[in-house]
Amino acid sequence: TKAVIEVFAATYLQSPAVLFVSESGNKVISRDEELSNKLGLTIKADKNLPDTILVDLGPDHPLLIFVEAVASDGPINERKKEVLQSLAEAAGFPLEHVAFVTAYMDRSGAPFKKTVDSLAWGSYAWFVSEPDSLIELTTGRGALR
């Protein structure tokens, strides 16, 4: 979680802010109620929330990023993605302004190998050991880029 906030956010977001941080057992570590309220996002600590919720305030429309660290819980799978999409939509975030990231320590480690087959399509995998790279799980028949 520390690397997600300090490295991932700084690498991939223009103007990052941390909305929510939790740890195993659904214990809330940090929550920015004021910013969440400004964004219209209601965050209730429950078992469906990821470890970290970030927002990029740099773009014209903020980008909401849900991040799950596999060291503490499972990845962003299809079920979890659907629940988080509902939370974002209820706050008025169009889905094109929402991202889903599963963070791992290393792609050669057991946690990634164990969960890669359950990662949600339309999400990303990020590795602390390779901070400048992302794996994007795309759907559809778009052109390779």
N, C-alpha and C. Protein backbone atom coordinates (compact mmCIF):
# COMPACT_ATOMS: atom_id res chain seq x y z
N THR A 1 0.83 -1.19 0.00
CA THR A 1 0.00 0.00 0.00
C THR A 1 0.87 1.25 0.00
N LYS A 2 1.95 1.20 0.75
CA LYS A 2 2.86 2.34 0.78
C LYS A 2 3.41 2.62 -0.62
N ALA A 3 3.82 1.58 -1.34
CA ALA A 3 4.35 1.74 -2.69
C ALA A 3 3.27 2.23 -3.66
N VAL A 4 2.05 1.79 -3.47
CA VAL A 4 0.94 2.25 -4.32
C VAL A 4 0.80 3.76 -4.19
N ILE A 5 0.83 4.25 -2.96
CA ILE A 5 0.65 5.68 -2.72
C ILE A 5 1.88 6.49 -3.16
N GLU A 6 3.05 6.01 -2.77
CA GLU A 6 4.26 6.79 -3.01
C GLU A 6 4.86 6.61 -4.40
N VAL A 7 4.72 5.43 -4.99
CA VAL A 7 5.37 5.18 -6.28
C VAL A 7 4.34 5.14 -7.42
N PHE A 8 3.35 4.26 -7.32
CA PHE A 8 2.35 4.13 -8.39
C PHE A 8 1.67 5.47 -8.66
N ALA A 9 1.13 6.09 -7.63
CA ALA A 9 0.40 7.35 -7.82
C ALA A 9 1.29 8.43 -8.42
N ALA A 10 2.50 8.52 -7.94
CA ALA A 10 3.43 9.54 -8.45
C ALA A 10 3.83 9.25 -9.90
N THR A 11 3.87 8.00 -10.29
CA THR A 11 4.29 7.62 -11.64
C THR A 11 3.17 7.80 -12.66
N TYR A 12 1.94 7.43 -12.30
CA TYR A 12 0.86 7.36 -13.28
C TYR A 12 -0.19 8.46 -13.18
N LEU A 13 -0.19 9.24 -12.11
CA LEU A 13 -1.23 10.25 -11.95
C LEU A 13 -0.65 11.65 -11.99
N GLN A 14 -1.37 12.59 -12.60
CA GLN A 14 -0.90 13.97 -12.71
C GLN A 14 -0.91 14.69 -11.37
N SER A 15 -2.04 14.60 -10.70
CA SER A 15 -2.23 15.29 -9.42
C SER A 15 -2.94 14.33 -8.46
N PRO A 16 -2.19 13.38 -7.89
CA PRO A 16 -2.82 12.33 -7.09
C PRO A 16 -3.27 12.78 -5.70
N ALA A 17 -4.34 12.16 -5.25
CA ALA A 17 -4.82 12.34 -3.88
C ALA A 17 -5.30 10.98 -3.38
N VAL A 18 -5.15 10.76 -2.09
CA VAL A 18 -5.58 9.51 -1.47
C VAL A 18 -6.94 9.74 -0.81
N LEU A 19 -7.93 8.98 -1.25
CA LEU A 19 -9.26 9.09 -0.66
C LEU A 19 -9.47 8.13 0.49
N PHE A 20 -8.87 6.94 0.39
CA PHE A 20 -9.18 5.90 1.36
C PHE A 20 -8.05 4.88 1.40
N VAL A 21 -7.69 4.46 2.60
CA VAL A 21 -6.71 3.39 2.79
C VAL A 21 -7.24 2.48 3.88
N SER A 22 -7.19 1.17 3.62
CA SER A 22 -7.59 0.20 4.63
C SER A 22 -6.58 -0.92 4.67
N GLU A 23 -6.75 -1.81 5.61
CA GLU A 23 -5.91 -3.00 5.68
C GLU A 23 -6.79 -4.19 6.00
N SER A 24 -6.22 -5.36 6.00
CA SER A 24 -6.98 -6.58 6.25
C SER A 24 -7.86 -6.44 7.48
N GLY A 25 -9.01 -7.06 7.42
CA GLY A 25 -9.94 -6.97 8.53
C GLY A 25 -10.84 -5.75 8.42
N ASN A 26 -10.84 -5.09 7.24
CA ASN A 26 -11.68 -3.93 6.99
C ASN A 26 -11.43 -2.77 7.93
N LYS A 27 -10.22 -2.69 8.45
CA LYS A 27 -9.89 -1.58 9.34
C LYS A 27 -9.50 -0.37 8.50
N VAL A 28 -10.21 0.75 8.72
CA VAL A 28 -9.92 1.98 8.00
C VAL A 28 -8.70 2.64 8.61
N ILE A 29 -7.70 2.89 7.79
CA ILE A 29 -6.47 3.54 8.22
C ILE A 29 -6.56 5.04 7.97
N SER A 30 -7.07 5.41 6.79
CA SER A 30 -7.13 6.82 6.40
C SER A 30 -8.33 7.03 5.49
N ARG A 31 -8.97 8.17 5.65
CA ARG A 31 -10.12 8.51 4.82
C ARG A 31 -10.18 10.03 4.68
N ASP A 32 -10.27 10.52 3.46
CA ASP A 32 -10.39 11.96 3.22
C ASP A 32 -11.86 12.26 2.94
N GLU A 33 -12.61 12.49 4.02
CA GLU A 33 -14.06 12.73 3.91
C GLU A 33 -14.36 13.98 3.11
N GLU A 34 -13.59 15.03 3.33
CA GLU A 34 -13.87 16.31 2.65
C GLU A 34 -13.75 16.16 1.13
N LEU A 35 -12.66 15.57 0.67
CA LEU A 35 -12.49 15.39 -0.77
C LEU A 35 -13.51 14.39 -1.32
N SER A 36 -13.77 13.33 -0.60
CA SER A 36 -14.78 12.35 -1.04
C SER A 36 -16.13 13.02 -1.21
N ASN A 37 -16.50 13.86 -0.27
CA ASN A 37 -17.78 14.57 -0.36
C ASN A 37 -17.82 15.51 -1.55
N LYS A 38 -16.72 16.21 -1.81
CA LYS A 38 -16.65 17.11 -2.97
C LYS A 38 -16.85 16.34 -4.27
N LEU A 39 -16.34 15.13 -4.31
CA LEU A 39 -16.45 14.30 -5.50
C LEU A 39 -17.78 13.55 -5.57
N GLY A 40 -18.58 13.62 -4.50
CA GLY A 40 -19.86 12.93 -4.45
C GLY A 40 -19.73 11.45 -4.17
N LEU A 41 -18.59 11.06 -3.63
CA LEU A 41 -18.31 9.64 -3.40
C LEU A 41 -18.58 9.29 -1.94
N THR A 42 -19.49 8.35 -1.73
CA THR A 42 -19.79 7.86 -0.39
C THR A 42 -18.97 6.60 -0.16
N ILE A 43 -18.06 6.68 0.82
CA ILE A 43 -17.20 5.54 1.11
C ILE A 43 -17.59 4.97 2.47
N LYS A 44 -18.14 3.78 2.44
CA LYS A 44 -18.48 3.08 3.67
C LYS A 44 -17.52 1.91 3.81
N ALA A 45 -16.90 1.81 4.96
CA ALA A 45 -15.96 0.70 5.18
C ALA A 45 -16.74 -0.60 5.21
N ASP A 46 -16.53 -1.42 4.20
CA ASP A 46 -17.13 -2.75 4.19
C ASP A 46 -16.20 -3.70 3.43
N LYS A 47 -16.59 -4.94 3.37
CA LYS A 47 -15.71 -5.96 2.80
C LYS A 47 -15.49 -5.79 1.30
N ASN A 48 -16.29 -4.97 0.62
CA ASN A 48 -16.15 -4.80 -0.82
C ASN A 48 -15.14 -3.74 -1.22
N LEU A 49 -14.70 -2.91 -0.28
CA LEU A 49 -13.77 -1.86 -0.63
C LEU A 49 -12.36 -2.40 -0.82
N PRO A 50 -11.63 -1.79 -1.75
CA PRO A 50 -10.24 -2.22 -1.96
C PRO A 50 -9.34 -1.64 -0.89
N ASP A 51 -8.07 -1.96 -0.97
CA ASP A 51 -7.11 -1.46 0.01
C ASP A 51 -6.91 0.05 -0.10
N THR A 52 -6.94 0.57 -1.31
CA THR A 52 -6.68 1.99 -1.53
C THR A 52 -7.61 2.53 -2.60
N ILE A 53 -8.09 3.75 -2.38
CA ILE A 53 -8.82 4.47 -3.42
C ILE A 53 -8.06 5.78 -3.64
N LEU A 54 -7.64 5.96 -4.89
CA LEU A 54 -6.92 7.17 -5.27
C LEU A 54 -7.80 7.98 -6.22
N VAL A 55 -7.47 9.25 -6.36
CA VAL A 55 -8.12 10.07 -7.37
C VAL A 55 -7.04 10.94 -8.02
N ASP A 56 -7.14 11.06 -9.33
CA ASP A 56 -6.25 11.96 -10.06
C ASP A 56 -7.04 13.23 -10.33
N LEU A 57 -6.65 14.31 -9.69
CA LEU A 57 -7.34 15.59 -9.82
C LEU A 57 -6.80 16.40 -10.99
N GLY A 58 -5.80 15.87 -11.71
CA GLY A 58 -5.18 16.59 -12.81
C GLY A 58 -6.04 16.73 -14.06
N PRO A 59 -6.70 15.67 -14.53
CA PRO A 59 -7.52 15.78 -15.74
C PRO A 59 -8.74 16.68 -15.52
N ASP A 60 -9.35 17.12 -16.63
CA ASP A 60 -10.56 17.95 -16.52
C ASP A 60 -11.63 17.25 -15.69
N HIS A 61 -11.80 15.96 -15.91
CA HIS A 61 -12.70 15.17 -15.08
C HIS A 61 -11.83 14.25 -14.25
N PRO A 62 -11.95 14.28 -12.93
CA PRO A 62 -11.09 13.43 -12.09
C PRO A 62 -11.19 11.95 -12.48
N LEU A 63 -10.07 11.26 -12.31
CA LEU A 63 -10.01 9.82 -12.54
C LEU A 63 -9.99 9.13 -11.19
N LEU A 64 -10.93 8.23 -10.97
CA LEU A 64 -11.04 7.47 -9.73
C LEU A 64 -10.33 6.13 -9.93
N ILE A 65 -9.41 5.78 -9.01
CA ILE A 65 -8.64 4.56 -9.15
C ILE A 65 -8.81 3.68 -7.92
N PHE A 66 -9.34 2.48 -8.12
CA PHE A 66 -9.48 1.50 -7.05
C PHE A 66 -8.28 0.56 -7.14
N VAL A 67 -7.55 0.41 -6.03
CA VAL A 67 -6.35 -0.43 -6.03
C VAL A 67 -6.46 -1.50 -4.95
N GLU A 68 -6.24 -2.73 -5.36
CA GLU A 68 -6.21 -3.86 -4.43
C GLU A 68 -4.78 -4.39 -4.38
N ALA A 69 -4.22 -4.48 -3.20
CA ALA A 69 -2.89 -5.06 -3.02
C ALA A 69 -3.06 -6.52 -2.64
N VAL A 70 -2.58 -7.41 -3.48
CA VAL A 70 -2.81 -8.83 -3.27
C VAL A 70 -2.16 -9.35 -2.00
N ALA A 71 -1.17 -8.68 -1.50
CA ALA A 71 -0.55 -9.13 -0.25
C ALA A 71 -1.55 -9.13 0.90
N SER A 72 -2.61 -8.30 0.80
CA SER A 72 -3.57 -8.24 1.90
C SER A 72 -4.91 -8.85 1.55
N ASP A 73 -5.25 -8.96 0.29
CA ASP A 73 -6.56 -9.48 -0.10
C ASP A 73 -6.46 -9.99 -1.53
N GLY A 74 -7.58 -10.42 -2.08
CA GLY A 74 -7.59 -10.91 -3.44
C GLY A 74 -7.49 -9.80 -4.46
N PRO A 75 -7.36 -10.16 -5.73
CA PRO A 75 -7.22 -9.18 -6.80
C PRO A 75 -8.55 -8.52 -7.15
N ILE A 76 -8.49 -7.56 -8.05
CA ILE A 76 -9.71 -7.00 -8.63
C ILE A 76 -10.19 -8.04 -9.64
N ASN A 77 -11.17 -8.83 -9.21
CA ASN A 77 -11.77 -9.82 -10.10
C ASN A 77 -13.07 -9.23 -10.65
N GLU A 78 -13.78 -9.98 -11.48
CA GLU A 78 -15.00 -9.46 -12.11
C GLU A 78 -16.04 -9.04 -11.07
N ARG A 79 -16.26 -9.84 -10.04
CA ARG A 79 -17.26 -9.50 -9.02
C ARG A 79 -16.90 -8.22 -8.30
N LYS A 80 -15.65 -8.11 -7.87
CA LYS A 80 -15.22 -6.92 -7.16
C LYS A 80 -15.28 -5.69 -8.06
N LYS A 81 -14.92 -5.87 -9.31
CA LYS A 81 -14.98 -4.75 -10.26
C LYS A 81 -16.41 -4.25 -10.41
N GLU A 82 -17.37 -5.16 -10.52
CA GLU A 82 -18.78 -4.77 -10.65
C GLU A 82 -19.25 -3.99 -9.44
N VAL A 83 -18.88 -4.42 -8.24
CA VAL A 83 -19.26 -3.72 -7.01
C VAL A 83 -18.67 -2.32 -6.99
N LEU A 84 -17.40 -2.21 -7.36
CA LEU A 84 -16.72 -0.91 -7.35
C LEU A 84 -17.25 0.01 -8.45
N GLN A 85 -17.63 -0.57 -9.59
CA GLN A 85 -18.25 0.23 -10.64
C GLN A 85 -19.56 0.84 -10.15
N SER A 86 -20.33 0.07 -9.41
CA SER A 86 -21.60 0.57 -8.86
C SER A 86 -21.36 1.73 -7.91
N LEU A 87 -20.34 1.63 -7.08
CA LEU A 87 -19.98 2.71 -6.16
C LEU A 87 -19.61 3.97 -6.93
N ALA A 88 -18.81 3.80 -7.97
CA ALA A 88 -18.38 4.95 -8.79
C ALA A 88 -19.56 5.57 -9.53
N GLU A 89 -20.41 4.74 -10.12
CA GLU A 89 -21.57 5.25 -10.84
C GLU A 89 -22.53 6.00 -9.92
N ALA A 90 -22.70 5.50 -8.69
CA ALA A 90 -23.57 6.18 -7.72
C ALA A 90 -23.04 7.57 -7.38
N ALA A 91 -21.72 7.76 -7.51
CA ALA A 91 -21.11 9.06 -7.25
C ALA A 91 -21.09 9.93 -8.50
N GLY A 92 -21.62 9.41 -9.61
CA GLY A 92 -21.66 10.18 -10.84
C GLY A 92 -20.40 10.09 -11.68
N PHE A 93 -19.54 9.11 -11.39
CA PHE A 93 -18.33 8.93 -12.19
C PHE A 93 -18.66 8.07 -13.40
N PRO A 94 -18.52 8.61 -14.61
CA PRO A 94 -18.68 7.76 -15.78
C PRO A 94 -17.58 6.70 -15.78
N LEU A 95 -17.88 5.52 -16.25
CA LEU A 95 -16.93 4.43 -16.17
C LEU A 95 -15.63 4.70 -16.93
N GLU A 96 -15.66 5.60 -17.91
CA GLU A 96 -14.41 5.93 -18.60
C GLU A 96 -13.48 6.76 -17.73
N HIS A 97 -13.95 7.18 -16.56
CA HIS A 97 -13.13 7.93 -15.60
C HIS A 97 -12.87 7.12 -14.33
N VAL A 98 -12.88 5.80 -14.48
CA VAL A 98 -12.64 4.89 -13.36
C VAL A 98 -11.64 3.84 -13.82
N ALA A 99 -10.65 3.55 -12.96
CA ALA A 99 -9.66 2.53 -13.27
C ALA A 99 -9.55 1.55 -12.11
N PHE A 100 -9.15 0.32 -12.43
CA PHE A 100 -9.04 -0.76 -11.46
C PHE A 100 -7.64 -1.35 -11.57
N VAL A 101 -6.93 -1.38 -10.45
CA VAL A 101 -5.54 -1.84 -10.44
C VAL A 101 -5.36 -2.88 -9.34
N THR A 102 -4.69 -3.98 -9.69
CA THR A 102 -4.25 -4.93 -8.68
C THR A 102 -2.75 -4.77 -8.57
N ALA A 103 -2.26 -4.53 -7.37
CA ALA A 103 -0.83 -4.31 -7.13
C ALA A 103 -0.21 -5.56 -6.52
N TYR A 104 0.97 -5.89 -7.01
CA TYR A 104 1.74 -7.04 -6.54
C TYR A 104 3.16 -6.58 -6.23
N MET A 105 3.86 -7.35 -5.44
CA MET A 105 5.27 -7.06 -5.20
C MET A 105 6.10 -7.39 -6.43
N ASP A 106 5.80 -8.54 -7.09
CA ASP A 106 6.64 -8.99 -8.18
C ASP A 106 5.83 -9.92 -9.08
N ARG A 107 6.02 -9.85 -10.38
CA ARG A 107 5.24 -10.73 -11.26
C ARG A 107 5.75 -12.16 -11.29
N SER A 108 6.93 -12.39 -10.75
CA SER A 108 7.42 -13.77 -10.68
C SER A 108 7.03 -14.43 -9.36
N GLY A 109 6.39 -13.68 -8.48
CA GLY A 109 6.02 -14.22 -7.18
C GLY A 109 4.75 -15.05 -7.21
N ALA A 110 4.59 -15.86 -6.19
CA ALA A 110 3.43 -16.75 -6.08
C ALA A 110 2.09 -16.01 -6.07
N PRO A 111 1.95 -14.86 -5.39
CA PRO A 111 0.64 -14.20 -5.39
C PRO A 111 0.14 -13.85 -6.80
N PHE A 112 1.03 -13.36 -7.68
CA PHE A 112 0.61 -13.04 -9.04
C PHE A 112 0.27 -14.32 -9.80
N LYS A 113 1.13 -15.31 -9.73
CA LYS A 113 0.89 -16.56 -10.44
C LYS A 113 -0.41 -17.23 -9.99
N LYS A 114 -0.72 -17.08 -8.72
CA LYS A 114 -1.92 -17.71 -8.16
C LYS A 114 -3.20 -16.99 -8.58
N THR A 115 -3.13 -15.67 -8.83
CA THR A 115 -4.35 -14.90 -9.07
C THR A 115 -4.49 -14.33 -10.48
N VAL A 116 -3.48 -14.46 -11.32
CA VAL A 116 -3.53 -13.84 -12.65
C VAL A 116 -4.75 -14.28 -13.44
N ASP A 117 -5.17 -15.51 -13.30
CA ASP A 117 -6.31 -15.99 -14.07
C ASP A 117 -7.65 -15.43 -13.60
N SER A 118 -7.68 -14.77 -12.46
CA SER A 118 -8.93 -14.20 -11.97
C SER A 118 -8.99 -12.68 -12.10
N LEU A 119 -7.95 -12.06 -12.64
CA LEU A 119 -7.96 -10.60 -12.82
C LEU A 119 -9.08 -10.20 -13.78
N ALA A 120 -9.76 -9.11 -13.45
CA ALA A 120 -10.88 -8.65 -14.26
C ALA A 120 -10.40 -8.05 -15.58
N TRP A 121 -11.13 -8.35 -16.65
CA TRP A 121 -10.87 -7.70 -17.91
C TRP A 121 -11.15 -6.22 -17.74
N GLY A 122 -10.37 -5.40 -18.40
CA GLY A 122 -10.53 -3.95 -18.27
C GLY A 122 -9.84 -3.40 -17.04
N SER A 123 -8.95 -4.19 -16.44
CA SER A 123 -8.21 -3.72 -15.27
C SER A 123 -6.71 -3.77 -15.57
N TYR A 124 -5.93 -3.39 -14.58
CA TYR A 124 -4.48 -3.35 -14.72
C TYR A 124 -3.82 -4.14 -13.61
N ALA A 125 -2.61 -4.62 -13.89
CA ALA A 125 -1.76 -5.22 -12.86
C ALA A 125 -0.49 -4.37 -12.81
N TRP A 126 -0.05 -4.04 -11.59
CA TRP A 126 1.15 -3.22 -11.39
C TRP A 126 2.04 -3.94 -10.38
N PHE A 127 3.36 -3.81 -10.58
CA PHE A 127 4.33 -4.52 -9.76
C PHE A 127 5.31 -3.55 -9.13
N VAL A 128 5.47 -3.64 -7.82
CA VAL A 128 6.42 -2.78 -7.10
C VAL A 128 7.82 -2.95 -7.69
N SER A 129 8.17 -4.17 -8.07
CA SER A 129 9.52 -4.45 -8.59
C SER A 129 9.75 -3.87 -9.98
N GLU A 130 8.68 -3.52 -10.69
CA GLU A 130 8.77 -2.93 -12.03
C GLU A 130 7.84 -1.72 -12.09
N PRO A 131 8.14 -0.68 -11.34
CA PRO A 131 7.19 0.41 -11.14
C PRO A 131 6.82 1.20 -12.39
N ASP A 132 7.63 1.15 -13.43
CA ASP A 132 7.35 1.93 -14.64
C ASP A 132 6.55 1.17 -15.68
N SER A 133 6.04 -0.01 -15.32
CA SER A 133 5.30 -0.84 -16.27
C SER A 133 3.96 -1.27 -15.69
N LEU A 134 2.98 -1.39 -16.58
CA LEU A 134 1.65 -1.87 -16.23
C LEU A 134 1.26 -2.99 -17.19
N ILE A 135 0.50 -3.94 -16.70
CA ILE A 135 -0.14 -4.92 -17.57
C ILE A 135 -1.59 -4.47 -17.69
N GLU A 136 -2.06 -4.32 -18.93
CA GLU A 136 -3.44 -3.91 -19.19
C GLU A 136 -4.20 -5.12 -19.73
N LEU A 137 -5.30 -5.47 -19.09
CA LEU A 137 -6.13 -6.58 -19.54
C LEU A 137 -7.27 -6.00 -20.36
N THR A 138 -7.14 -6.02 -21.68
CA THR A 138 -8.11 -5.37 -22.54
C THR A 138 -9.11 -6.38 -23.10
N THR A 139 -10.24 -5.84 -23.50
CA THR A 139 -11.27 -6.65 -24.14
C THR A 139 -11.58 -6.04 -25.49
N GLY A 140 -12.25 -6.77 -26.32
CA GLY A 140 -12.66 -6.27 -27.64
C GLY A 140 -11.63 -6.57 -28.71
N ARG A 141 -11.94 -6.09 -29.88
CA ARG A 141 -11.09 -6.38 -31.03
C ARG A 141 -10.42 -5.11 -31.54
N GLY A 142 -10.00 -4.26 -30.65
CA GLY A 142 -9.30 -3.06 -31.07
C GLY A 142 -7.93 -3.38 -31.61
N ALA A 143 -7.34 -2.40 -32.25
CA ALA A 143 -6.01 -2.58 -32.81
C ALA A 143 -4.98 -2.71 -31.70
N LEU A 144 -3.95 -3.47 -31.97
CA LEU A 144 -2.83 -3.53 -31.02
C LEU A 144 -2.16 -2.18 -31.02
N ARG A 145 -1.63 -1.79 -29.84
CA ARG A 145 -0.92 -0.52 -29.78
C ARG A 145 0.40 -0.71 -29.12
